[in-house]
C-alpha cells in the first residue's frame, strides 16, 4: 500500500509540474484538439435532441439545429403540449411560431415570444454546446495561468475566463482532464466574493464526424450545491 501511495503522490506532483509548464493557450489548444480534432466546428451543422429534466418544473424536450456555416439557428421545443419555435437567420432576424403559426399579440406579450428571446436561445446553445471551441471567440479574456485544482473530487486543470465589457460580465472557470484535456465541467459567478452563480458537471461524450460534444449537463448552485436540472442529450447528428 505504501508503494501505491508514493506512486500516486509522485503522479500528482508530476501533474502540478506539467500544469505550471503548460500555458493557458496551449491547454485550450489541446482541449480543442480533443473535442474538434478536424477543425470542423466553425462550418459544421449540428442537430441535437435535448431533454431538460428538473424537480421544480415539467420536463421539456427540444430539437436544436446549429448551422455555423450559415450562422443559422432553429429551436423547436414541446412544452405544455404546445410546440414553440425560434428561427434565427444569418442576418440576425428571428421568426417565432406557436404550433406552426405566428403567435398572437397576447401570446407574444404574455409568453415573451419575441426575437430577443430567440437570439438568447441561439447564444445559449451555441455557446454551451460549442465549448471549448467558443473560448476562441472575440472578446474572450483568458487568464495566462493554468490552475491545478480539483473538481468533483478529481484532479483537473482549470482556466479562468472573463469577457470584455461588451460581451459579458460573469467570471467563468473551465475544468479539463489532465490526461485527455477533455472538458469535464465549468463554473460561473456573477459576484465571486459571495459565491453566487452555478457549476455544471459534464458526463459522457457524443461523437459524430470527429466532433466530441459533452453529452449531459447537470446544473448546481455554487452556494447551496442544489441540483437545478439536467440537460440530457438524446441524440446528436453532424451533417456537415
Protein backbone atom coordinates (compact mmCIF):
# COMPACT_ATOMS: atom_id res chain seq x y z
CA UNK A 1 0.00 0.00 0.00
CA UNK A 2 2.84 2.37 0.82
CA UNK A 3 4.31 1.92 -2.67
CA UNK A 4 0.92 2.70 -4.23
CA UNK A 5 0.57 5.81 -2.08
CA UNK A 6 4.03 7.01 -3.07
CA UNK A 7 3.22 6.37 -6.75
CA UNK A 8 0.02 8.42 -6.61
CA UNK A 9 1.84 11.23 -4.79
CA UNK A 10 4.52 11.21 -7.46
CA UNK A 11 1.96 11.30 -10.28
CA UNK A 12 0.12 14.18 -8.61
CA UNK A 13 3.41 16.07 -8.29
CA UNK A 14 4.10 15.48 -11.98
CA UNK A 15 0.65 16.86 -12.88
CA UNK A 16 1.39 20.01 -10.85
CA UNK A 17 4.69 20.50 -12.67
CA UNK A 18 3.01 19.95 -16.04
CA UNK A 19 0.30 22.49 -15.19
CA UNK A 20 2.94 25.02 -14.24
CA UNK A 21 4.72 24.47 -17.56
CA UNK A 22 1.53 24.44 -19.64
CA UNK A 23 0.28 27.87 -20.69
CA UNK A 24 -3.41 28.68 -20.95
CA UNK A 25 -3.38 28.99 -24.73
CA UNK A 26 -1.69 25.60 -25.07
CA UNK A 27 -4.19 23.97 -22.69
CA UNK A 28 -7.08 25.41 -24.69
CA UNK A 29 -5.48 24.26 -27.95
CA UNK A 30 -5.11 20.72 -26.59
CA UNK A 31 -8.72 20.64 -25.40
CA UNK A 32 -9.98 21.88 -28.77
CA UNK A 33 -7.82 19.23 -30.45
CA UNK A 34 -9.63 16.61 -28.34
CA UNK A 35 -13.17 17.91 -28.97
CA UNK A 36 -12.72 19.09 -32.57
CA UNK A 37 -9.62 17.36 -33.98
CA UNK A 38 -10.51 18.12 -37.61
CA UNK A 39 -11.40 21.80 -37.07
CA UNK A 40 -14.97 21.13 -38.15
CA UNK A 41 -16.89 23.29 -35.65
CA UNK A 42 -16.74 26.63 -37.49
CA UNK A 43 -18.51 25.30 -40.62
CA UNK A 44 -20.49 22.47 -39.05
CA UNK A 45 -24.23 21.85 -38.96
CA UNK A 46 -25.37 20.02 -35.85
CA UNK A 47 -28.76 18.74 -34.76
CA UNK A 48 -29.48 17.82 -31.15
CA UNK A 49 -32.46 16.39 -29.29
CA UNK A 50 -32.19 17.51 -25.67
CA UNK A 51 -34.44 16.69 -22.74
CA UNK A 52 -34.40 19.09 -19.81
CA UNK A 53 -35.20 17.38 -16.50
CA UNK A 54 -35.85 19.27 -13.27
CA UNK A 55 -37.51 18.59 -9.93
CA UNK A 56 -39.18 22.03 -9.96
CA UNK A 57 -40.72 22.23 -13.43
CA UNK A 58 -42.07 19.80 -16.01
CA UNK A 59 -39.55 18.13 -18.29
CA UNK A 60 -39.16 19.63 -21.75
CA UNK A 61 -37.82 18.17 -24.99
CA UNK A 62 -36.10 20.42 -27.51
CA UNK A 63 -34.77 19.89 -31.02
CA UNK A 64 -31.87 22.24 -31.69
CA UNK A 65 -30.17 22.92 -35.03
CA UNK A 66 -26.96 24.97 -35.07
CA UNK A 67 -25.67 25.76 -38.55
CA UNK A 68 -22.36 27.52 -38.01
CA UNK A 69 -21.55 27.68 -41.71
CA UNK A 70 -24.69 29.73 -42.44
CA UNK A 71 -24.97 31.39 -39.00
CA UNK A 72 -28.47 29.95 -38.66
CA UNK A 73 -30.28 28.56 -35.63
CA UNK A 74 -33.54 26.68 -35.14
CA UNK A 75 -35.08 25.67 -31.81
CA UNK A 76 -38.27 23.64 -31.57
CA UNK A 77 -39.48 22.78 -28.07
CA UNK A 78 -42.52 20.95 -26.76
CA UNK A 79 -43.84 22.48 -23.56
CA UNK A 80 -47.28 22.02 -22.05
CA UNK A 81 -48.50 20.20 -25.13
CA UNK A 82 -47.63 23.06 -27.47
CA UNK A 83 -44.79 23.47 -29.97
CA UNK A 84 -42.69 26.64 -29.77
CA UNK A 85 -40.18 27.51 -32.48
CA UNK A 86 -37.46 30.16 -32.75
CA UNK A 87 -35.59 30.57 -36.04
CA UNK A 88 -32.68 32.99 -36.36
CA UNK A 89 -31.12 33.54 -39.79
CA UNK A 90 -27.69 34.70 -40.86
CA UNK A 91 -28.83 38.35 -40.87
CA UNK A 92 -29.82 38.08 -37.17
CA UNK A 93 -33.55 38.33 -37.83
CA UNK A 94 -35.77 35.98 -35.85
CA UNK A 95 -39.09 34.30 -36.62
CA UNK A 96 -41.24 32.87 -33.82
CA UNK A 97 -44.03 30.31 -34.17
CA UNK A 98 -46.50 28.63 -31.82
CA UNK A 99 -47.99 25.38 -33.09
CA UNK A 100 -46.50 26.24 -36.52
CA UNK A 101 -48.25 29.62 -36.71
CA UNK A 102 -47.29 33.18 -35.86
CA UNK A 103 -48.14 33.92 -32.20
CA UNK A 104 -50.93 36.32 -31.35
CA UNK A 105 -50.10 39.67 -29.76
CA UNK A 106 -51.30 38.30 -26.43
CA UNK A 107 -49.00 35.25 -26.73
CA UNK A 108 -46.05 37.44 -27.65
CA UNK A 109 -46.55 39.66 -24.62
CA UNK A 110 -47.61 37.08 -22.04
CA UNK A 111 -45.15 34.33 -23.03
CA UNK A 112 -42.22 36.50 -24.11
CA UNK A 113 -42.25 35.10 -27.63
CA UNK A 114 -40.07 37.69 -29.30
CA UNK A 115 -36.93 37.99 -31.40
CA UNK A 116 -34.72 38.88 -28.43
CA UNK A 117 -35.63 35.63 -26.73
CA UNK A 118 -34.83 33.68 -29.89
CA UNK A 119 -31.39 35.27 -30.07
CA UNK A 120 -30.79 34.45 -26.40
CA UNK A 121 -31.60 30.80 -27.08
CA UNK A 122 -29.21 30.85 -30.05
CA UNK A 123 -26.43 32.32 -27.94
CA UNK A 124 -27.13 29.89 -25.08
CA UNK A 125 -26.99 26.71 -27.14
CA UNK A 126 -24.29 27.96 -29.48
CA UNK A 127 -22.03 28.84 -26.57
CA UNK A 128 -22.52 25.86 -24.25
CA UNK A 129 -22.56 23.19 -26.94
CA UNK A 130 -19.68 24.85 -28.74
CA UNK A 131 -17.28 24.73 -25.82
CA UNK A 132 -14.32 24.69 -25.65
CA UNK A 133 -14.12 25.99 -29.23
CA UNK A 134 -16.16 29.08 -28.30
CA UNK A 135 -13.36 30.21 -26.00
CA UNK A 136 -11.58 31.40 -29.14
CA UNK A 137 -14.35 33.95 -29.85
CA UNK A 138 -13.51 37.69 -29.87
CA UNK A 139 -13.96 39.37 -26.51
CA UNK A 140 -12.84 36.33 -24.52
CA UNK A 141 -10.12 37.11 -21.96
CA UNK A 142 -8.24 34.02 -20.79
CA UNK A 143 -6.02 34.29 -17.73
CA UNK A 144 -2.49 33.17 -18.70
CA UNK A 145 -2.10 30.94 -15.63
CA UNK A 146 -3.27 27.33 -15.71
CA UNK A 147 -4.76 26.42 -12.34
CA UNK A 148 -4.14 22.99 -10.82
CA UNK A 149 -7.19 22.23 -8.69
CA UNK A 150 -9.97 19.68 -8.10
CA UNK A 151 -13.49 19.42 -9.47
CA UNK A 152 -15.93 16.86 -8.10
CA UNK A 153 -13.11 15.21 -6.21
CA UNK A 154 -10.89 14.76 -9.27
CA UNK A 155 -7.64 16.49 -10.12
CA UNK A 156 -8.19 18.88 -13.03
CA UNK A 157 -6.55 21.70 -14.95
CA UNK A 158 -8.56 24.93 -14.95
CA UNK A 159 -8.74 28.15 -16.92
CA UNK A 160 -10.16 31.39 -15.56
CA UNK A 161 -12.06 33.32 -18.23
CA UNK A 162 -13.59 36.78 -18.22
CA UNK A 163 -15.06 38.81 -21.05
CA UNK A 164 -14.75 42.28 -22.44
CA UNK A 165 -17.49 44.57 -21.19
CA UNK A 166 -19.45 44.47 -24.44
CA UNK A 167 -19.54 40.65 -24.35
CA UNK A 168 -20.29 39.66 -20.75
CA UNK A 169 -19.71 40.37 -17.08
CA UNK A 170 -19.56 36.91 -15.48
CA UNK A 171 -16.41 35.14 -14.27
CA UNK A 172 -16.01 31.59 -15.57
CA UNK A 173 -13.76 28.66 -14.67
CA UNK A 174 -13.41 25.76 -17.10
CA UNK A 175 -12.14 22.37 -15.96
CA UNK A 176 -10.19 19.86 -18.06
CA UNK A 177 -8.93 16.33 -17.63
CA UNK A 178 -5.13 16.41 -17.20
CA UNK A 179 -4.87 13.14 -19.15
CA UNK A 180 -7.02 13.76 -22.25
CA UNK A 181 -7.74 17.53 -21.95
CA UNK A 182 -11.45 16.80 -22.35
CA UNK A 183 -13.66 19.44 -20.73
CA UNK A 184 -15.30 17.93 -17.64
CA UNK A 185 -17.20 20.92 -16.26
CA UNK A 186 -17.36 24.64 -15.72
CA UNK A 187 -18.45 27.22 -13.17
CA UNK A 188 -19.57 30.83 -13.36
CA UNK A 189 -20.08 33.66 -10.91
CA UNK A 190 -21.87 36.96 -11.17
CA UNK A 191 -20.03 38.01 -7.97
CA UNK A 192 -17.35 35.55 -6.94
CA UNK A 193 -16.96 37.18 -3.49
CA UNK A 194 -20.42 35.98 -2.43
CA UNK A 195 -20.16 32.58 -4.14
CA UNK A 196 -23.23 33.05 -6.30
CA UNK A 197 -23.73 31.51 -9.73
CA UNK A 198 -23.69 27.87 -10.75
CA UNK A 199 -21.45 24.97 -11.70
CA UNK A 200 -22.11 22.41 -14.41
CA UNK A 201 -20.92 18.79 -14.42
CA UNK A 202 -20.41 17.22 -17.85
CA UNK A 203 -20.81 13.47 -18.30
CA UNK A 204 -20.49 11.33 -21.39
CA UNK A 205 -19.42 12.21 -24.91
CA UNK A 206 -21.37 12.08 -28.19
CA UNK A 207 -19.17 11.62 -31.27
CA UNK A 208 -20.09 12.25 -34.90
CA UNK A 209 -17.80 13.15 -37.80
CA UNK A 210 -14.94 13.60 -35.37
CA UNK A 211 -16.69 16.17 -33.16
CA UNK A 212 -16.77 15.14 -29.50
CA UNK A 213 -19.53 17.05 -27.71
CA UNK A 214 -20.24 16.55 -23.98
CA UNK A 215 -23.49 14.63 -23.68
CA UNK A 216 -25.24 15.53 -20.41
CA UNK A 217 -25.07 18.67 -18.26
CA UNK A 218 -26.11 18.75 -14.59
CA UNK A 219 -26.58 22.25 -13.16
CA UNK A 220 -25.95 23.07 -9.47
CA UNK A 221 -25.87 26.26 -7.42
CA UNK A 222 -22.43 27.22 -6.14
CA UNK A 223 -23.61 28.29 -2.70
CA UNK A 224 -26.02 25.51 -1.75
CA UNK A 225 -24.87 22.69 -4.08
CA UNK A 226 -28.53 22.41 -5.09
CA UNK A 227 -29.32 20.48 -8.24
CA UNK A 228 -31.26 22.76 -10.60
CA UNK A 229 -31.72 20.41 -13.51
CA UNK A 230 -30.08 18.15 -16.07
CA UNK A 231 -29.88 18.63 -19.84
CA UNK A 232 -29.81 15.12 -21.32
CA UNK A 233 -28.70 14.80 -24.93
CA UNK A 234 -30.90 12.16 -26.55
CA UNK A 235 -29.19 12.33 -29.93
CA UNK A 236 -26.64 14.28 -31.97
CA UNK A 237 -26.19 14.42 -35.73
CA UNK A 238 -23.45 16.28 -37.57
CA UNK A 239 -24.43 16.65 -41.22
CA UNK A 240 -21.59 18.94 -42.27
